[in-house]
Every structure is written in structure tokens, then in C-alpha cells.
Protein backbone atom coordinates (compact mmCIF):
# COMPACT_ATOMS: atom_id res chain seq x y z
CA UNK A 1 -0.35 -0.19 0.04
CA UNK A 2 1.41 3.64 -1.13
CA UNK A 3 1.52 5.56 2.27
CA UNK A 4 2.52 9.04 1.86
CA UNK A 5 2.46 11.66 5.11
CA UNK A 6 -1.17 13.75 5.58
CA UNK A 7 -0.42 16.61 7.65
CA UNK A 8 -4.09 16.88 8.51
CA UNK A 9 -3.47 13.47 10.34
CA UNK A 10 -1.07 14.09 12.68
CA UNK A 11 2.61 13.74 12.41
CA UNK A 12 2.59 9.90 12.53
CA UNK A 13 -0.41 9.68 10.68
CA UNK A 14 0.06 8.46 6.35
CA UNK A 15 -2.43 8.94 3.49
CA UNK A 16 -2.75 6.17 0.60
CA UNK A 17 -2.06 8.16 -2.94
CA UNK A 18 -4.98 10.37 -3.24
CA UNK A 19 -4.99 9.23 -7.08
CA UNK A 20 -4.94 5.74 -6.15
CA UNK A 21 -9.41 5.95 -4.40
CA UNK A 22 -11.89 8.49 -5.13
CA UNK A 23 -14.84 7.63 -2.61
CA UNK A 24 -12.07 6.49 0.62
CA UNK A 25 -9.39 8.46 2.28
CA UNK A 26 -7.18 6.07 4.33
CA UNK A 27 -5.41 7.47 7.03
CA UNK A 28 -3.32 5.87 9.76
CA UNK A 29 -4.52 8.36 12.83
CA UNK A 30 -2.40 6.26 15.38
CA UNK A 31 0.48 3.39 15.61
CA UNK A 32 -1.12 0.38 13.94
CA UNK A 33 -4.55 1.37 13.39
CA UNK A 34 -5.50 1.97 9.38
CA UNK A 35 -8.75 4.28 9.32
CA UNK A 36 -11.03 4.14 6.38
CA UNK A 37 -13.65 7.15 6.26
CA UNK A 38 -16.33 6.74 3.38
CA UNK A 39 -16.19 9.69 1.17
CA UNK A 40 -19.10 10.58 -0.61
CA UNK A 41 -20.28 12.82 1.91
CA UNK A 42 -22.74 14.64 -0.31
CA UNK A 43 -24.62 11.05 -1.00
CA UNK A 44 -24.42 10.78 2.91
CA UNK A 45 -20.94 8.14 1.72
CA UNK A 46 -24.17 5.46 0.08
CA UNK A 47 -21.96 3.10 -1.94
CA UNK A 48 -21.62 2.91 -5.80
CA UNK A 49 -20.12 0.30 -8.25
CA UNK A 50 -16.45 1.94 -7.63
CA UNK A 51 -17.25 2.28 -3.87
CA UNK A 52 -17.66 -1.54 -3.57
CA UNK A 53 -14.42 -1.92 -6.05
CA UNK A 54 -12.09 0.60 -4.32
CA UNK A 55 -13.27 -0.74 -0.45
CA UNK A 56 -12.37 -4.36 -1.44
CA UNK A 57 -8.98 -2.99 -3.16
CA UNK A 58 -8.32 -1.41 -0.12
CA UNK A 59 -9.37 -4.38 2.73
CA UNK A 60 -7.24 -6.37 0.31
CA UNK A 61 -3.45 -4.58 0.43
CA UNK A 62 -4.28 -4.56 4.30
CA UNK A 63 -4.60 -8.20 4.98
CA UNK A 64 -0.56 -7.89 3.85
CA UNK A 65 0.60 -5.12 5.14
CA UNK A 66 1.76 -5.80 8.74
CA UNK A 67 1.83 -1.95 9.95
CA UNK A 68 -1.99 -1.75 10.11
CA UNK A 69 -3.34 -4.24 13.21
CA UNK A 70 -6.64 -2.78 13.36
CA UNK A 71 -9.38 -1.68 11.44
CA UNK A 72 -11.85 1.22 11.44
CA UNK A 73 -14.55 2.64 8.69
CA UNK A 74 -15.88 5.71 9.67
CA UNK A 75 -17.71 8.24 7.16
CA UNK A 76 -17.44 11.63 5.90
CA UNK A 77 -19.62 14.31 7.07
CA UNK A 78 -22.74 13.62 8.80
CA UNK A 79 -23.52 10.27 7.45
CA UNK A 80 -21.74 6.89 8.81
CA UNK A 81 -23.22 5.16 5.40
CA UNK A 82 -26.85 5.45 3.40
CA UNK A 83 -26.40 2.28 2.47
CA UNK A 84 -26.58 1.81 -1.58
CA UNK A 85 -26.72 4.82 -3.69
CA UNK A 86 -30.74 4.64 -4.95
CA UNK A 87 -28.95 5.92 -8.57
CA UNK A 88 -27.11 3.55 -9.46
CA UNK A 89 -30.98 1.43 -9.18
CA UNK A 90 -32.43 3.24 -12.34
CA UNK A 91 -31.07 1.13 -14.73
CA UNK A 92 -31.71 -1.95 -12.95
CA UNK A 93 -34.69 -2.83 -15.02
CA UNK A 94 -33.20 -3.22 -17.81
CA UNK A 95 -30.45 -5.05 -16.37
CA UNK A 96 -29.98 -9.07 -17.30
CA UNK A 97 -30.31 -10.89 -14.25
CA UNK A 98 -26.83 -12.12 -14.12
CA UNK A 99 -25.94 -9.20 -14.31
CA UNK A 100 -27.63 -7.72 -11.31
CA UNK A 101 -26.80 -10.99 -9.77
CA UNK A 102 -22.97 -10.01 -10.12
CA UNK A 103 -23.45 -7.26 -9.09
CA UNK A 104 -24.91 -8.04 -5.27
CA UNK A 105 -22.35 -10.63 -5.31
CA UNK A 106 -19.83 -8.15 -5.36
CA UNK A 107 -21.47 -6.36 -2.85
CA UNK A 108 -21.60 -9.57 -0.15
CA UNK A 109 -18.22 -10.04 -1.20
CA UNK A 110 -17.56 -6.98 -0.16
CA UNK A 111 -19.16 -7.03 3.23
CA UNK A 112 -17.32 -11.03 3.86
CA UNK A 113 -13.39 -8.99 3.48
CA UNK A 114 -14.25 -6.80 7.13
CA UNK A 115 -15.98 -9.99 8.46
CA UNK A 116 -13.12 -12.40 7.42
CA UNK A 117 -10.12 -10.36 7.33
CA UNK A 118 -8.06 -11.66 10.68
CA UNK A 119 -7.54 -8.46 11.55
CA UNK A 120 -10.13 -6.37 14.32
CA UNK A 121 -12.69 -4.28 12.41
CA UNK A 122 -14.59 -1.40 14.64
CA UNK A 123 -17.04 0.00 13.03
CA UNK A 124 -17.48 4.47 13.86
CA UNK A 125 -20.56 4.67 13.33
CA UNK A 126 -20.93 8.50 13.12
CA UNK A 127 -23.94 9.69 12.14
CA UNK A 128 -26.87 8.41 9.40
CA UNK A 129 -26.84 4.96 9.22
CA UNK A 130 -29.21 3.16 6.89
CA UNK A 131 -30.04 -0.03 4.77
CA UNK A 132 -26.64 -1.13 3.93
CA UNK A 133 -24.72 0.78 5.87
CA UNK A 134 -26.29 -1.30 9.30
CA UNK A 135 -25.49 -4.21 7.00
CA UNK A 136 -21.36 -3.23 6.64
CA UNK A 137 -21.43 -1.85 9.93
CA UNK A 138 -23.03 -6.24 10.75
CA UNK A 139 -19.99 -7.23 9.27
CA UNK A 140 -17.97 -5.49 11.49
CA UNK A 141 -16.21 -7.20 14.60
CA UNK A 142 -16.98 -3.69 16.59
CA UNK A 143 -19.53 -1.35 16.73
CA UNK A 144 -19.48 2.06 18.53
CA UNK A 145 -22.06 4.80 17.94
CA UNK A 146 -22.06 8.25 18.38
CA UNK A 147 -25.02 9.81 20.35
CA UNK A 148 -26.02 11.20 16.45
CA UNK A 149 -26.55 8.49 15.57
CA UNK A 150 -29.52 6.50 13.95
CA UNK A 151 -30.77 3.60 12.15
CA UNK A 152 -32.97 2.35 9.60
CA UNK A 153 -33.56 -0.21 7.27
CA UNK A 154 -36.40 1.79 4.83
CA UNK A 155 -35.89 -0.84 2.03
CA UNK A 156 -39.78 -1.56 1.95
CA UNK A 157 -40.69 1.59 0.92
CA UNK A 158 -39.33 0.95 -2.05
CA UNK A 159 -41.02 -2.20 -2.72
CA UNK A 160 -37.55 -4.55 -1.25
CA UNK A 161 -35.96 -5.99 1.13
CA UNK A 162 -32.21 -5.28 2.83
CA UNK A 163 -30.94 -8.40 0.83
CA UNK A 164 -27.04 -8.29 2.47
CA UNK A 165 -27.00 -9.44 5.89
CA UNK A 166 -29.35 -7.43 7.81
CA UNK A 167 -31.62 -10.59 7.39
CA UNK A 168 -29.31 -13.16 8.10
CA UNK A 169 -26.31 -12.38 10.06
CA UNK A 170 -27.77 -9.25 12.52
CA UNK A 171 -29.80 -12.62 13.87
CA UNK A 172 -27.59 -13.64 15.91
CA UNK A 173 -26.38 -9.94 17.38
CA UNK A 174 -29.95 -8.21 18.34
CA UNK A 175 -32.46 -10.85 18.30
CA UNK A 176 -34.95 -12.13 15.02
CA UNK A 177 -37.67 -9.83 16.87
CA UNK A 178 -35.47 -7.15 16.76
CA UNK A 179 -34.95 -7.63 13.13
CA UNK A 180 -38.67 -8.39 11.47
CA UNK A 181 -38.83 -5.32 13.50
CA UNK A 182 -36.58 -2.58 11.94
CA UNK A 183 -36.92 -4.92 8.73
CA UNK A 184 -40.42 -4.72 8.53
CA UNK A 185 -41.98 -1.26 10.00
CA UNK A 186 -37.97 0.47 8.48
CA UNK A 187 -38.60 2.63 11.07
CA UNK A 188 -35.78 4.88 12.52
CA UNK A 189 -33.93 4.04 15.67
CA UNK A 190 -31.03 5.87 17.76
CA UNK A 191 -28.57 4.96 19.37
CA UNK A 192 -29.52 4.09 22.97
CA UNK A 193 -32.05 1.87 21.28
CA UNK A 194 -29.87 0.17 19.42
CA UNK A 195 -27.35 -0.06 22.47
CA UNK A 196 -30.34 -2.00 24.02
CA UNK A 197 -30.52 -4.14 21.50
CA UNK A 198 -26.79 -4.85 21.74
CA UNK A 199 -26.94 -3.93 18.15
CA UNK A 200 -23.85 -2.03 19.03
CA UNK A 201 -20.64 -2.03 21.83
CA UNK A 202 -20.46 1.66 23.24
CA UNK A 203 -22.80 4.91 22.69
CA UNK A 204 -20.41 7.72 23.00
CA UNK A 205 -20.67 11.70 22.53
CA UNK A 206 -20.63 12.36 19.01
CA UNK A 207 -16.75 14.96 19.79
CA UNK A 208 -15.83 11.60 22.14
CA UNK A 209 -16.34 9.01 19.47
CA UNK A 210 -12.82 8.70 17.36
CA UNK A 211 -11.35 8.94 20.80
CA UNK A 212 -13.31 6.17 22.83
CA UNK A 213 -12.96 4.52 19.08
CA UNK A 214 -9.13 4.90 19.43
CA UNK A 215 -8.64 3.63 23.31
CA UNK A 216 -10.62 -0.13 22.37
CA UNK A 217 -8.64 -0.50 19.45
CA UNK A 218 -5.16 -0.16 21.65
CA UNK A 219 -6.50 -2.61 23.49
CA UNK A 220 -7.14 -4.84 20.29
CA UNK A 221 -3.27 -4.03 19.47
CA UNK A 222 -2.03 -6.00 23.43
CA UNK A 223 -2.18 -9.34 22.38
CA UNK A 224 -0.40 -12.16 19.92
CA UNK A 225 -1.53 -10.70 16.48
CA UNK A 226 -2.22 -14.17 15.12
CA UNK A 227 -4.09 -15.13 18.00
CA UNK A 228 -6.07 -12.28 17.45
CA UNK A 229 -6.35 -13.00 13.66
CA UNK A 230 -7.28 -17.36 14.86
CA UNK A 231 -9.24 -16.14 17.10
CA UNK A 232 -11.81 -13.83 14.80
CA UNK A 233 -12.13 -16.55 12.45
CA UNK A 234 -12.32 -19.41 14.61
CA UNK A 235 -15.09 -17.77 16.55
CA UNK A 236 -16.75 -17.03 13.41
CA UNK A 237 -17.27 -20.03 11.96
CA UNK A 238 -18.01 -21.42 15.62
CA UNK A 239 -21.16 -19.74 15.63
CA UNK A 240 -22.51 -21.96 12.69
CA UNK A 241 -21.15 -25.49 13.20
CA UNK A 242 -22.36 -27.67 16.06
CA UNK A 243 -20.20 -27.50 19.46
CA UNK A 244 -18.06 -30.84 19.03
CA UNK A 245 -17.06 -29.58 15.59
CA UNK A 246 -16.12 -26.36 16.92
CA UNK A 247 -14.33 -27.36 19.77
CA UNK A 248 -12.34 -29.24 17.50
CA UNK A 249 -11.41 -26.61 15.74
CA UNK A 250 -10.38 -24.80 18.58
CA UNK A 251 -7.45 -27.83 18.94
CA UNK A 252 -6.98 -27.24 15.55
CA UNK A 253 -6.16 -23.40 16.12
CA UNK A 254 -3.89 -23.85 19.29
CA UNK A 255 -1.97 -26.51 17.71
CA UNK A 256 -0.77 -23.18 15.02
CA UNK A 257 -0.44 -20.51 17.76
CA UNK A 258 1.25 -22.93 20.54
CA UNK A 259 5.26 -23.23 18.04
CA UNK A 260 4.95 -19.45 17.44
CA UNK A 261 7.52 -16.79 17.76
CA UNK A 262 4.30 -14.93 19.99
CA UNK A 263 3.67 -17.73 22.43
CA UNK A 264 7.16 -19.09 23.50
CA UNK A 265 7.34 -14.39 23.22
CA UNK A 266 4.19 -14.61 25.23
CA UNK A 267 5.29 -17.42 27.74
CA UNK A 268 8.53 -15.95 28.64
CA UNK A 269 7.60 -12.63 29.32
CA UNK A 270 4.70 -14.08 31.67
CA UNK A 271 7.83 -16.15 33.46
CA UNK A 272 9.19 -12.46 33.72
CA UNK A 273 6.74 -11.06 34.64
CA UNK A 274 7.21 -8.28 31.84
CA UNK A 275 5.24 -7.45 28.84
CA UNK A 276 5.92 -9.46 25.78
CA UNK A 277 6.98 -8.13 22.35
CA UNK A 278 5.46 -9.61 20.02
CA UNK A 279 6.40 -9.96 15.86
CA UNK A 280 2.81 -11.31 14.88
CA UNK A 281 5.51 -14.80 14.08
């Protein structure tokens, strides 16, 4: 990934070359933290085909960039993400169904990238979070919301349903009745109500949101990177399989970690009563 100094992001901040991405800004506001800011504020950061491609490209690179320990995603302006750009819907009536299915598959794979990457991903929900924006947040590992944020699934008002995870990924998070409530009424839910549903981990004052997110990111960087990544992967997998298979996967995962350099260092540091020096190996 091509990083260049960004004075607006502070002395430790970096920015991807501006000609690379038109719908995203990527900075590093703290050591090890990559901040993806959706940059279509005039559309409340609704994603279009270009943004889907750019998010996938950014996530692909972050898989291999060892400087990136935690990924945070937020939105520019007053919206986190308003879901899909409805303007693109205009041409779909004449779109061949295989083309439409290819588009939706790319959309789903973009969201899967957040869930699959073996690095923690935090959604910093700074404002309006609607439709696919909720589904994007649901694909992250953790969700922090501004007290000014609002949440809604308005798809029923254009004759469709939220079809990129709200009807599936959200059920174990908030329960089937809460999912039906949001899907079938399309009503707006404030940050405190959605916190009660347990969709977000914490609600913060708007001017403190990023401070709290970055503080939590630092907690996520205290452990061994390999163990954190495998822990995420195994936990995601175990929610969809029986417990016997889950325990078998846990044993296999553990066997891949115990011989790592970081595991040896962690045990040694524990015995010597000092902080470990993890290298991600």
C-alpha cells in the first residue's frame, strides 16, 4: 500500500495516494490503526460500484500490510453510510439478471471482506446509518456509535428488502424479533435503543467517538497478532457449526499457535513478569 505523510492526520498519520481512491480516504491516526473514511458525503456515503471496488482493493492490501493491526471504518460528514446509492437502481430494470446477481455478489463479498480479514475491524458510526450501512456495520467485529447516530432499514419503502446481511447476519446479534421490527417497519432507531438491542458496543458523545474507538483499538493491539486473527476466524466459524466441531477447530487452531514465536515470547514474558514483545510471527 502506498502511504504518504498527511499533516491533517498528525505526525504519525498517513494517507494513500489521492489518485488511487476517489471514494475513500485512508489514514493512520495512531500506530497500527488504519482508518477508512467513506468519502461521498454529498450522498451520505452511500456506496456505488466504484466504492465497492475501492473498499475491496483497500481491504486486500491491508491483509498484507503488517503495519495495520486494527481497521476502523467511519463516514465523512453527517452520515456513516446510507447504504446503496439509489441512483444506480434506475438502470437495473433493463439489466440482465446475471449482471444484477454479479453486482449483488460483489456487494456481499465486500462485506465478507470485513468479516474474514484476520484483523479486528471497528465501525465508528458517526451519523446516519441506513440500509446497507447497517449491513456494513454488522460485518465489522465491533460497533461504536455517536449519540447523534440513527439507524434504519428503509428498503420496504422502495418495494424490496435489505438483502446483504440484515435478514441473516443480524439475527444472532439482536434477535429475530428486533430484526423483523426494523425490516418490516422501516422505522428510525436512535443510538441508545440500538445499544439496548446490543447491536453497538458503546454509545459516545459525537466529539468523543473517535477517541473511544482508538482507545479500544489500543486494547486490541496488546495481544499477539496471530492469536487475535485466529481467534476472530475461529469465533466467526464456530457460531455456524455444532459445538463438537467447534471444539475440534479450537484444538486445531491452538496447535497452529503454540509453536509460534509470539507464543514462546508470551510464555517467557509471563514467567519473567514483563510485557511481551510480539512480532506477529
